[in-house]
Amino acid sequence: MTMLEETMKSETFPLHYIGDGKITCKDAMDSMMYGLHYKGAITYWWGCALKYIWRWPYKGVREDLEKAKACIDYLIESLPGGEDS
């Protein structure tokens, strides 16, 4: 069994975060946020939104898109100046 196959069977790294096996959700998130200086709630809600958008086609549930939408709303509210920025 390959390392990728082992990872895909792992409870701590489920298939819906593996994608095509070339890049994982975690690796995409690391790349997306590399070198930026956002902190706290901004990075939390940004990462959560990506996570839900990444996994919804694999889980096939509308709920993940609704969660992503809520995370984006929270992200906007967390920006300096709130919703008006």
C-alpha atoms as a PDB file:
ATOM      1  CA  MET A   1       0.000   0.000   0.000  1.00  0.00           C
ATOM      2  CA  THR A   2       1.366   3.441  -0.932  1.00  0.00           C
ATOM      3  CA  MET A   3       1.789   6.274   1.548  1.00  0.00           C
ATOM      4  CA  LEU A   4      -1.070   8.159  -0.133  1.00  0.00           C
ATOM      5  CA  GLU A   5      -3.345   5.111   0.190  1.00  0.00           C
ATOM      6  CA  GLU A   6      -2.392   4.804   3.868  1.00  0.00           C
ATOM      7  CA  THR A   7      -3.135   8.495   4.402  1.00  0.00           C
ATOM      8  CA  MET A   8      -6.465   8.209   2.591  1.00  0.00           C
ATOM      9  CA  LYS A   9      -7.567   5.467   5.009  1.00  0.00           C
ATOM     10  CA  SER A  10      -6.590   7.521   8.037  1.00  0.00           C
ATOM     11  CA  GLU A  11      -9.284   8.781  10.380  1.00  0.00           C
ATOM     12  CA  THR A  12      -7.279  11.963  10.917  1.00  0.00           C
ATOM     13  CA  PHE A  13      -6.968  12.752   7.204  1.00  0.00           C
ATOM     14  CA  PRO A  14     -10.177  11.654   5.470  1.00  0.00           C
ATOM     15  CA  LEU A  15     -10.627  11.272   1.720  1.00  0.00           C
ATOM     16  CA  HIS A  16     -12.638  14.474   1.356  1.00  0.00           C
ATOM     17  CA  TYR A  17      -9.464  16.444   2.246  1.00  0.00           C
ATOM     18  CA  ILE A  18      -7.184  14.548  -0.174  1.00  0.00           C
ATOM     19  CA  GLY A  19      -8.689  15.849  -3.437  1.00  0.00           C
ATOM     20  CA  ASP A  20      -6.942  14.355  -6.464  1.00  0.00           C
ATOM     21  CA  GLY A  21      -4.012  13.128  -4.388  1.00  0.00           C
ATOM     22  CA  LYS A  22      -1.638  15.702  -5.861  1.00  0.00           C
ATOM     23  CA  ILE A  23      -2.362  18.405  -3.312  1.00  0.00           C
ATOM     24  CA  THR A  24      -4.297  18.206  -0.081  1.00  0.00           C
ATOM     25  CA  CYS A  25      -6.580  20.808   1.414  1.00  0.00           C
ATOM     26  CA  LYS A  26      -3.965  21.478   4.094  1.00  0.00           C
ATOM     27  CA  ASP A  27      -1.204  22.007   1.518  1.00  0.00           C
ATOM     28  CA  ALA A  28      -3.442  24.316  -0.541  1.00  0.00           C
ATOM     29  CA  MET A  29      -4.274  26.291   2.591  1.00  0.00           C
ATOM     30  CA  ASP A  30      -0.593  26.566   3.552  1.00  0.00           C
ATOM     31  CA  SER A  31       0.219  27.848   0.060  1.00  0.00           C
ATOM     32  CA  MET A  32      -2.737  30.242   0.013  1.00  0.00           C
ATOM     33  CA  MET A  33      -1.745  31.830   3.329  1.00  0.00           C
ATOM     34  CA  TYR A  34       2.051  31.767   2.875  1.00  0.00           C
ATOM     35  CA  GLY A  35       3.758  35.046   3.652  1.00  0.00           C
ATOM     36  CA  LEU A  36       0.608  36.917   4.614  1.00  0.00           C
ATOM     37  CA  HIS A  37       0.397  38.636   7.958  1.00  0.00           C
ATOM     38  CA  TYR A  38      -3.242  38.163   8.892  1.00  0.00           C
ATOM     39  CA  LYS A  39      -3.821  36.850  12.383  1.00  0.00           C
ATOM     40  CA  GLY A  40      -6.523  35.545  14.666  1.00  0.00           C
ATOM     41  CA  ALA A  41     -10.117  35.443  13.516  1.00  0.00           C
ATOM     42  CA  ILE A  42      -9.257  36.544   9.970  1.00  0.00           C
ATOM     43  CA  THR A  43      -7.070  33.513   9.261  1.00  0.00           C
ATOM     44  CA  TYR A  44      -9.419  31.207  11.141  1.00  0.00           C
ATOM     45  CA  TRP A  45     -12.520  32.122   9.111  1.00  0.00           C
ATOM     46  CA  TRP A  46     -10.555  32.233   5.839  1.00  0.00           C
ATOM     47  CA  GLY A  47      -9.204  28.734   6.455  1.00  0.00           C
ATOM     48  CA  CYS A  48     -12.605  27.399   7.503  1.00  0.00           C
ATOM     49  CA  ALA A  49     -14.227  28.775   4.351  1.00  0.00           C
ATOM     50  CA  LEU A  50     -11.609  27.056   2.173  1.00  0.00           C
ATOM     51  CA  LYS A  51     -12.051  23.797   4.061  1.00  0.00           C
ATOM     52  CA  TYR A  52     -15.796  23.721   3.473  1.00  0.00           C
ATOM     53  CA  ILE A  53     -15.505  24.742  -0.191  1.00  0.00           C
ATOM     54  CA  TRP A  54     -12.795  22.116  -0.737  1.00  0.00           C
ATOM     55  CA  ARG A  55     -14.746  19.220   0.696  1.00  0.00           C
ATOM     56  CA  TRP A  56     -18.342  19.843  -0.416  1.00  0.00           C
ATOM     57  CA  PRO A  57     -18.101  17.964  -3.754  1.00  0.00           C
ATOM     58  CA  TYR A  58     -16.690  14.908  -1.943  1.00  0.00           C
ATOM     59  CA  LYS A  59     -19.287  14.928   0.803  1.00  0.00           C
ATOM     60  CA  GLY A  60     -22.063  16.094  -1.507  1.00  0.00           C
ATOM     61  CA  VAL A  61     -23.869  18.157   1.066  1.00  0.00           C
ATOM     62  CA  ARG A  62     -25.238  21.655   0.624  1.00  0.00           C
ATOM     63  CA  GLU A  63     -24.574  22.236   4.303  1.00  0.00           C
ATOM     64  CA  ASP A  64     -20.830  22.610   3.615  1.00  0.00           C
ATOM     65  CA  LEU A  65     -21.522  25.450   1.166  1.00  0.00           C
ATOM     66  CA  GLU A  66     -23.797  27.117   3.712  1.00  0.00           C
ATOM     67  CA  LYS A  67     -21.029  26.803   6.312  1.00  0.00           C
ATOM     68  CA  ALA A  68     -18.502  28.302   3.867  1.00  0.00           C
ATOM     69  CA  LYS A  69     -20.864  31.203   3.220  1.00  0.00           C
ATOM     70  CA  ALA A  70     -21.220  31.830   6.966  1.00  0.00           C
ATOM     71  CA  CYS A  71     -17.430  31.678   7.404  1.00  0.00           C
ATOM     72  CA  ILE A  72     -16.974  34.269   4.653  1.00  0.00           C
ATOM     73  CA  ASP A  73     -19.525  36.528   6.346  1.00  0.00           C
ATOM     74  CA  TYR A  74     -17.640  36.142   9.662  1.00  0.00           C
ATOM     75  CA  LEU A  75     -14.367  36.822   7.823  1.00  0.00           C
ATOM     76  CA  ILE A  76     -15.732  40.065   6.376  1.00  0.00           C
ATOM     77  CA  GLU A  77     -16.931  41.113   9.830  1.00  0.00           C
ATOM     78  CA  SER A  78     -13.446  40.350  11.240  1.00  0.00           C
ATOM     79  CA  LEU A  79     -11.644  42.630   8.801  1.00  0.00           C
ATOM     80  CA  PRO A  80     -10.405  45.940  10.190  1.00  0.00           C
ATOM     81  CA  GLY A  81     -13.318  48.334   9.937  1.00  0.00           C
ATOM     82  CA  GLY A  82     -15.881  45.505   9.850  1.00  0.00           C
ATOM     83  CA  GLU A  83     -18.317  45.185   6.988  1.00  0.00           C
ATOM     84  CA  ASP A  84     -17.559  48.623   5.563  1.00  0.00           C
ATOM     85  CA  SER A  85     -13.907  47.848   4.660  1.00  0.00           C
END
